[in-house]
PDB file of all heavy atoms in Angstrom:
ATOM      1  N   PHE A   1     -16.270   9.750  -3.333  1.00  0.00           N
ATOM      2  CA  PHE A   1     -16.702  11.152  -3.509  1.00  0.00           C
ATOM      3  C   PHE A   1     -15.898  12.095  -2.615  1.00  0.00           C
ATOM      4  O   PHE A   1     -16.028  13.346  -2.780  1.00  0.00           O
ATOM      5  CB  PHE A   1     -18.192  11.336  -3.154  1.00  0.00           C
ATOM      6  CG  PHE A   1     -19.129  10.493  -4.014  1.00  0.00           C
ATOM      7  CD1 PHE A   1     -19.665   9.322  -3.446  1.00  0.00           C
ATOM      8  CD2 PHE A   1     -19.318  10.816  -5.278  1.00  0.00           C
ATOM      9  CE1 PHE A   1     -20.578   8.609  -4.247  1.00  0.00           C
ATOM     10  CE2 PHE A   1     -20.176  10.056  -6.081  1.00  0.00           C
ATOM     11  CZ  PHE A   1     -20.775   8.946  -5.584  1.00  0.00           C
ATOM     12  N   ASN A   2     -14.948  11.658  -1.875  1.00  0.00           N
ATOM     13  CA  ASN A   2     -14.228  12.491  -0.994  1.00  0.00           C
ATOM     14  C   ASN A   2     -12.755  12.445  -1.066  1.00  0.00           C
ATOM     15  O   ASN A   2     -12.023  12.892  -0.223  1.00  0.00           O
ATOM     16  CB  ASN A   2     -14.617  12.251   0.478  1.00  0.00           C
ATOM     17  CG  ASN A   2     -16.076  12.622   0.754  1.00  0.00           C
ATOM     18  OD1 ASN A   2     -16.418  13.775   0.695  1.00  0.00           O
ATOM     19  ND2 ASN A   2     -16.957  11.635   0.969  1.00  0.00           N
ATOM     20  N   GLY A   3     -12.204  11.865  -2.157  1.00  0.00           N
ATOM     21  CA  GLY A   3     -10.798  11.965  -2.410  1.00  0.00           C
ATOM     22  C   GLY A   3     -10.007  10.671  -2.747  1.00  0.00           C
ATOM     23  O   GLY A   3      -9.035  10.720  -3.456  1.00  0.00           O
ATOM     24  N   SER A   4     -10.458   9.484  -2.307  1.00  0.00           N
ATOM     25  CA  SER A   4      -9.709   8.274  -2.460  1.00  0.00           C
ATOM     26  C   SER A   4      -9.890   7.733  -3.979  1.00  0.00           C
ATOM     27  O   SER A   4     -10.866   7.942  -4.563  1.00  0.00           O
ATOM     28  CB  SER A   4     -10.126   7.202  -1.487  1.00  0.00           C
ATOM     29  OG  SER A   4      -9.863   7.583  -0.186  1.00  0.00           O
ATOM     30  N   THR A   5      -8.849   7.007  -4.451  1.00  0.00           N
ATOM     31  CA  THR A   5      -8.972   6.357  -5.697  1.00  0.00           C
ATOM     32  C   THR A   5      -9.702   5.047  -5.562  1.00  0.00           C
ATOM     33  O   THR A   5      -9.224   4.161  -4.766  1.00  0.00           O
ATOM     34  CB  THR A   5      -7.563   6.084  -6.256  1.00  0.00           C
ATOM     35  OG1 THR A   5      -6.787   7.355  -6.284  1.00  0.00           O
ATOM     36  CG2 THR A   5      -7.682   5.522  -7.662  1.00  0.00           C
ATOM     37  N   VAL A   6     -10.778   4.956  -6.250  1.00  0.00           N
ATOM     38  CA  VAL A   6     -11.733   3.724  -6.125  1.00  0.00           C
ATOM     39  C   VAL A   6     -12.027   3.249  -7.454  1.00  0.00           C
ATOM     40  O   VAL A   6     -12.166   3.978  -8.455  1.00  0.00           O
ATOM     41  CB  VAL A   6     -13.024   4.236  -5.394  1.00  0.00           C
ATOM     42  CG1 VAL A   6     -14.066   3.142  -5.411  1.00  0.00           C
ATOM     43  CG2 VAL A   6     -12.650   4.687  -4.008  1.00  0.00           C
ATOM     44  N   LEU A   7     -12.151   1.874  -7.539  1.00  0.00           N
ATOM     45  CA  LEU A   7     -12.411   1.195  -8.798  1.00  0.00           C
ATOM     46  C   LEU A   7     -13.813   0.564  -8.772  1.00  0.00           C
ATOM     47  O   LEU A   7     -14.365   0.246  -7.690  1.00  0.00           O
ATOM     48  CB  LEU A   7     -11.411   0.020  -9.018  1.00  0.00           C
ATOM     49  CG  LEU A   7      -9.905   0.445  -8.989  1.00  0.00           C
ATOM     50  CD1 LEU A   7      -9.079  -0.811  -9.117  1.00  0.00           C
ATOM     51  CD2 LEU A   7      -9.585   1.399 -10.076  1.00  0.00           C
ATOM     52  N   GLY A   8     -14.401   0.385  -9.923  1.00  0.00           N
ATOM     53  CA  GLY A   8     -15.740  -0.294 -10.003  1.00  0.00           C
ATOM     54  C   GLY A   8     -16.855   0.684 -10.211  1.00  0.00           C
ATOM     55  O   GLY A   8     -16.725   1.922 -10.075  1.00  0.00           O
ATOM     56  N   ASN A   9     -18.057   0.173 -10.542  1.00  0.00           N
ATOM     57  CA  ASN A   9     -19.263   0.943 -10.649  1.00  0.00           C
ATOM     58  C   ASN A   9     -20.354   0.434  -9.684  1.00  0.00           C
ATOM     59  O   ASN A   9     -21.499   0.708  -9.914  1.00  0.00           O
ATOM     60  CB  ASN A   9     -19.723   0.814 -12.171  1.00  0.00           C
ATOM     61  CG  ASN A   9     -18.812   1.404 -13.136  1.00  0.00           C
ATOM     62  OD1 ASN A   9     -18.359   2.530 -12.872  1.00  0.00           O
ATOM     63  ND2 ASN A   9     -18.466   0.695 -14.101  1.00  0.00           N
ATOM     64  N   GLY A  10     -19.930  -0.217  -8.614  1.00  0.00           N
ATOM     65  CA  GLY A  10     -20.852  -0.697  -7.641  1.00  0.00           C
ATOM     66  C   GLY A  10     -21.054  -2.185  -7.856  1.00  0.00           C
ATOM     67  O   GLY A  10     -21.662  -2.572  -8.817  1.00  0.00           O
ATOM     68  N   PRO A  11     -20.550  -3.070  -6.854  1.00  0.00           N
ATOM     69  CA  PRO A  11     -19.808  -2.596  -5.610  1.00  0.00           C
ATOM     70  C   PRO A  11     -18.472  -2.038  -6.021  1.00  0.00           C
ATOM     71  O   PRO A  11     -17.868  -2.301  -6.955  1.00  0.00           O
ATOM     72  CB  PRO A  11     -19.731  -3.850  -4.762  1.00  0.00           C
ATOM     73  CG  PRO A  11     -19.751  -4.960  -5.818  1.00  0.00           C
ATOM     74  CD  PRO A  11     -20.632  -4.517  -6.917  1.00  0.00           C
ATOM     75  N   TYR A  12     -17.980  -1.114  -5.115  1.00  0.00           N
ATOM     76  CA  TYR A  12     -16.737  -0.423  -5.264  1.00  0.00           C
ATOM     77  C   TYR A  12     -15.695  -1.040  -4.429  1.00  0.00           C
ATOM     78  O   TYR A  12     -15.894  -1.608  -3.414  1.00  0.00           O
ATOM     79  CB  TYR A  12     -16.819   1.015  -4.919  1.00  0.00           C
ATOM     80  CG  TYR A  12     -17.843   1.770  -5.747  1.00  0.00           C
ATOM     81  CD1 TYR A  12     -19.129   1.914  -5.366  1.00  0.00           C
ATOM     82  CD2 TYR A  12     -17.466   2.437  -6.927  1.00  0.00           C
ATOM     83  CE1 TYR A  12     -20.155   2.635  -6.132  1.00  0.00           C
ATOM     84  CE2 TYR A  12     -18.317   3.109  -7.713  1.00  0.00           C
ATOM     85  CZ  TYR A  12     -19.663   3.289  -7.310  1.00  0.00           C
ATOM     86  OH  TYR A  12     -20.507   3.919  -8.047  1.00  0.00           O
ATOM     87  N   ILE A  13     -14.364  -0.944  -4.884  1.00  0.00           N
ATOM     88  CA  ILE A  13     -13.272  -1.351  -4.104  1.00  0.00           C
ATOM     89  C   ILE A  13     -12.145  -0.297  -4.206  1.00  0.00           C
ATOM     90  O   ILE A  13     -12.178   0.449  -5.091  1.00  0.00           O
ATOM     91  CB  ILE A  13     -12.652  -2.661  -4.638  1.00  0.00           C
ATOM     92  CG1 ILE A  13     -12.149  -2.573  -6.096  1.00  0.00           C
ATOM     93  CG2 ILE A  13     -13.645  -3.781  -4.471  1.00  0.00           C
ATOM     94  CD1 ILE A  13     -11.362  -3.750  -6.527  1.00  0.00           C
ATOM     95  N   PHE A  14     -11.366  -0.197  -3.110  1.00  0.00           N
ATOM     96  CA  PHE A  14     -10.220   0.710  -3.148  1.00  0.00           C
ATOM     97  C   PHE A  14      -9.216   0.244  -4.207  1.00  0.00           C
ATOM     98  O   PHE A  14      -8.937  -0.884  -4.295  1.00  0.00           O
ATOM     99  CB  PHE A  14      -9.591   0.881  -1.720  1.00  0.00           C
ATOM    100  CG  PHE A  14     -10.409   1.673  -0.788  1.00  0.00           C
ATOM    101  CD1 PHE A  14     -11.194   0.970   0.178  1.00  0.00           C
ATOM    102  CD2 PHE A  14     -10.466   3.066  -0.866  1.00  0.00           C
ATOM    103  CE1 PHE A  14     -11.978   1.686   1.083  1.00  0.00           C
ATOM    104  CE2 PHE A  14     -11.237   3.789   0.000  1.00  0.00           C
ATOM    105  CZ  PHE A  14     -12.002   3.131   1.024  1.00  0.00           C
ATOM    106  N   ALA A  15      -8.597   1.266  -4.867  1.00  0.00           N
ATOM    107  CA  ALA A  15      -7.513   0.927  -5.772  1.00  0.00           C
ATOM    108  C   ALA A  15      -6.241   0.395  -5.095  1.00  0.00           C
ATOM    109  O   ALA A  15      -5.476  -0.331  -5.629  1.00  0.00           O
ATOM    110  CB  ALA A  15      -7.199   2.034  -6.722  1.00  0.00           C
ATOM    111  N   TYR A  16      -6.032   0.884  -3.857  1.00  0.00           N
ATOM    112  CA  TYR A  16      -4.886   0.602  -3.123  1.00  0.00           C
ATOM    113  C   TYR A  16      -5.268   0.133  -1.705  1.00  0.00           C
ATOM    114  O   TYR A  16      -6.229   0.535  -1.125  1.00  0.00           O
ATOM    115  CB  TYR A  16      -3.881   1.814  -2.996  1.00  0.00           C
ATOM    116  CG  TYR A  16      -3.642   2.429  -4.395  1.00  0.00           C
ATOM    117  CD1 TYR A  16      -4.204   3.628  -4.716  1.00  0.00           C
ATOM    118  CD2 TYR A  16      -2.795   1.756  -5.294  1.00  0.00           C
ATOM    119  CE1 TYR A  16      -3.944   4.214  -5.947  1.00  0.00           C
ATOM    120  CE2 TYR A  16      -2.599   2.394  -6.528  1.00  0.00           C
ATOM    121  CZ  TYR A  16      -3.161   3.562  -6.890  1.00  0.00           C
ATOM    122  OH  TYR A  16      -2.923   4.078  -8.088  1.00  0.00           O
ATOM    123  N   ASP A  17      -4.397  -0.736  -1.117  1.00  0.00           N
ATOM    124  CA  ASP A  17      -4.560  -1.102   0.334  1.00  0.00           C
ATOM    125  C   ASP A  17      -4.085   0.053   1.188  1.00  0.00           C
ATOM    126  O   ASP A  17      -3.451   0.982   0.751  1.00  0.00           O
ATOM    127  CB  ASP A  17      -3.751  -2.411   0.606  1.00  0.00           C
ATOM    128  CG  ASP A  17      -4.305  -3.588  -0.168  1.00  0.00           C
ATOM    129  OD1 ASP A  17      -5.560  -3.621  -0.416  1.00  0.00           O
ATOM    130  OD2 ASP A  17      -3.555  -4.511  -0.411  1.00  0.00           O
ATOM    131  N   TYR A  18      -4.374  -0.101   2.534  1.00  0.00           N
ATOM    132  CA  TYR A  18      -3.963   0.903   3.434  1.00  0.00           C
ATOM    133  C   TYR A  18      -3.191   0.222   4.555  1.00  0.00           C
ATOM    134  O   TYR A  18      -3.741  -0.419   5.417  1.00  0.00           O
ATOM    135  CB  TYR A  18      -5.240   1.665   4.016  1.00  0.00           C
ATOM    136  CG  TYR A  18      -5.824   2.572   2.983  1.00  0.00           C
ATOM    137  CD1 TYR A  18      -6.935   2.070   2.172  1.00  0.00           C
ATOM    138  CD2 TYR A  18      -5.434   3.889   2.718  1.00  0.00           C
ATOM    139  CE1 TYR A  18      -7.478   2.870   1.251  1.00  0.00           C
ATOM    140  CE2 TYR A  18      -6.034   4.672   1.781  1.00  0.00           C
ATOM    141  CZ  TYR A  18      -7.051   4.115   1.014  1.00  0.00           C
ATOM    142  OH  TYR A  18      -7.568   4.933   0.055  1.00  0.00           O
ATOM    143  N   LYS A  19      -1.870   0.549   4.597  1.00  0.00           N
ATOM    144  CA  LYS A  19      -1.058  -0.055   5.556  1.00  0.00           C
ATOM    145  C   LYS A  19       0.186   0.866   5.727  1.00  0.00           C
ATOM    146  O   LYS A  19       0.816   1.165   4.701  1.00  0.00           O
ATOM    147  CB  LYS A  19      -0.555  -1.442   5.304  1.00  0.00           C
ATOM    148  CG  LYS A  19       0.450  -2.055   6.317  1.00  0.00           C
ATOM    149  CD  LYS A  19       0.901  -3.413   5.921  1.00  0.00           C
ATOM    150  CE  LYS A  19       1.822  -4.037   6.913  1.00  0.00           C
ATOM    151  NZ  LYS A  19       2.331  -5.407   6.500  1.00  0.00           N
ATOM    152  N   GLY A  20       0.414   1.431   6.988  1.00  0.00           N
ATOM    153  CA  GLY A  20       1.491   2.334   7.069  1.00  0.00           C
ATOM    154  C   GLY A  20       1.665   2.842   8.533  1.00  0.00           C
ATOM    155  O   GLY A  20       1.449   2.046   9.422  1.00  0.00           O
ATOM    156  N   ALA A  21       2.032   4.115   8.656  1.00  0.00           N
ATOM    157  CA  ALA A  21       2.296   4.659   9.958  1.00  0.00           C
ATOM    158  C   ALA A  21       1.899   6.093  10.019  1.00  0.00           C
ATOM    159  O   ALA A  21       1.975   6.854   8.971  1.00  0.00           O
ATOM    160  CB  ALA A  21       3.757   4.440  10.393  1.00  0.00           C
ATOM    161  N   GLU A  22       1.483   6.554  11.143  1.00  0.00           N
ATOM    162  CA  GLU A  22       1.246   7.991  11.485  1.00  0.00           C
ATOM    163  C   GLU A  22       2.027   8.392  12.670  1.00  0.00           C
ATOM    164  O   GLU A  22       1.945   7.704  13.669  1.00  0.00           O
ATOM    165  CB  GLU A  22      -0.260   8.237  11.697  1.00  0.00           C
ATOM    166  CG  GLU A  22      -0.566   9.756  11.829  1.00  0.00           C
ATOM    167  CD  GLU A  22      -2.045  10.022  11.928  1.00  0.00           C
ATOM    168  OE1 GLU A  22      -2.700   9.296  12.716  1.00  0.00           O
ATOM    169  OE2 GLU A  22      -2.576  10.935  11.286  1.00  0.00           O
ATOM    170  N   VAL A  23       2.749   9.439  12.561  1.00  0.00           N
ATOM    171  CA  VAL A  23       3.571   9.910  13.698  1.00  0.00           C
ATOM    172  C   VAL A  23       3.115  11.327  13.995  1.00  0.00           C
ATOM    173  O   VAL A  23       2.779  12.114  13.150  1.00  0.00           O
ATOM    174  CB  VAL A  23       5.119   9.909  13.380  1.00  0.00           C
ATOM    175  CG1 VAL A  23       5.632   8.557  13.323  1.00  0.00           C
ATOM    176  CG2 VAL A  23       5.394  10.707  12.127  1.00  0.00           C
ATOM    177  N   ALA A  24       3.175  11.682  15.281  1.00  0.00           N
ATOM    178  CA  ALA A  24       2.670  13.042  15.750  1.00  0.00           C
ATOM    179  C   ALA A  24       3.453  13.475  16.932  1.00  0.00           C
ATOM    180  O   ALA A  24       3.940  12.651  17.730  1.00  0.00           O
ATOM    181  CB  ALA A  24       1.169  12.997  16.016  1.00  0.00           C
TER     182      ALA A  24
END
């Protein structure tokens, strides 16, 4: 409900994995 791409009708799963980097 807040922006991510999600699959399924319950239980839900993320469409993509999350692995990367944040620089600041």
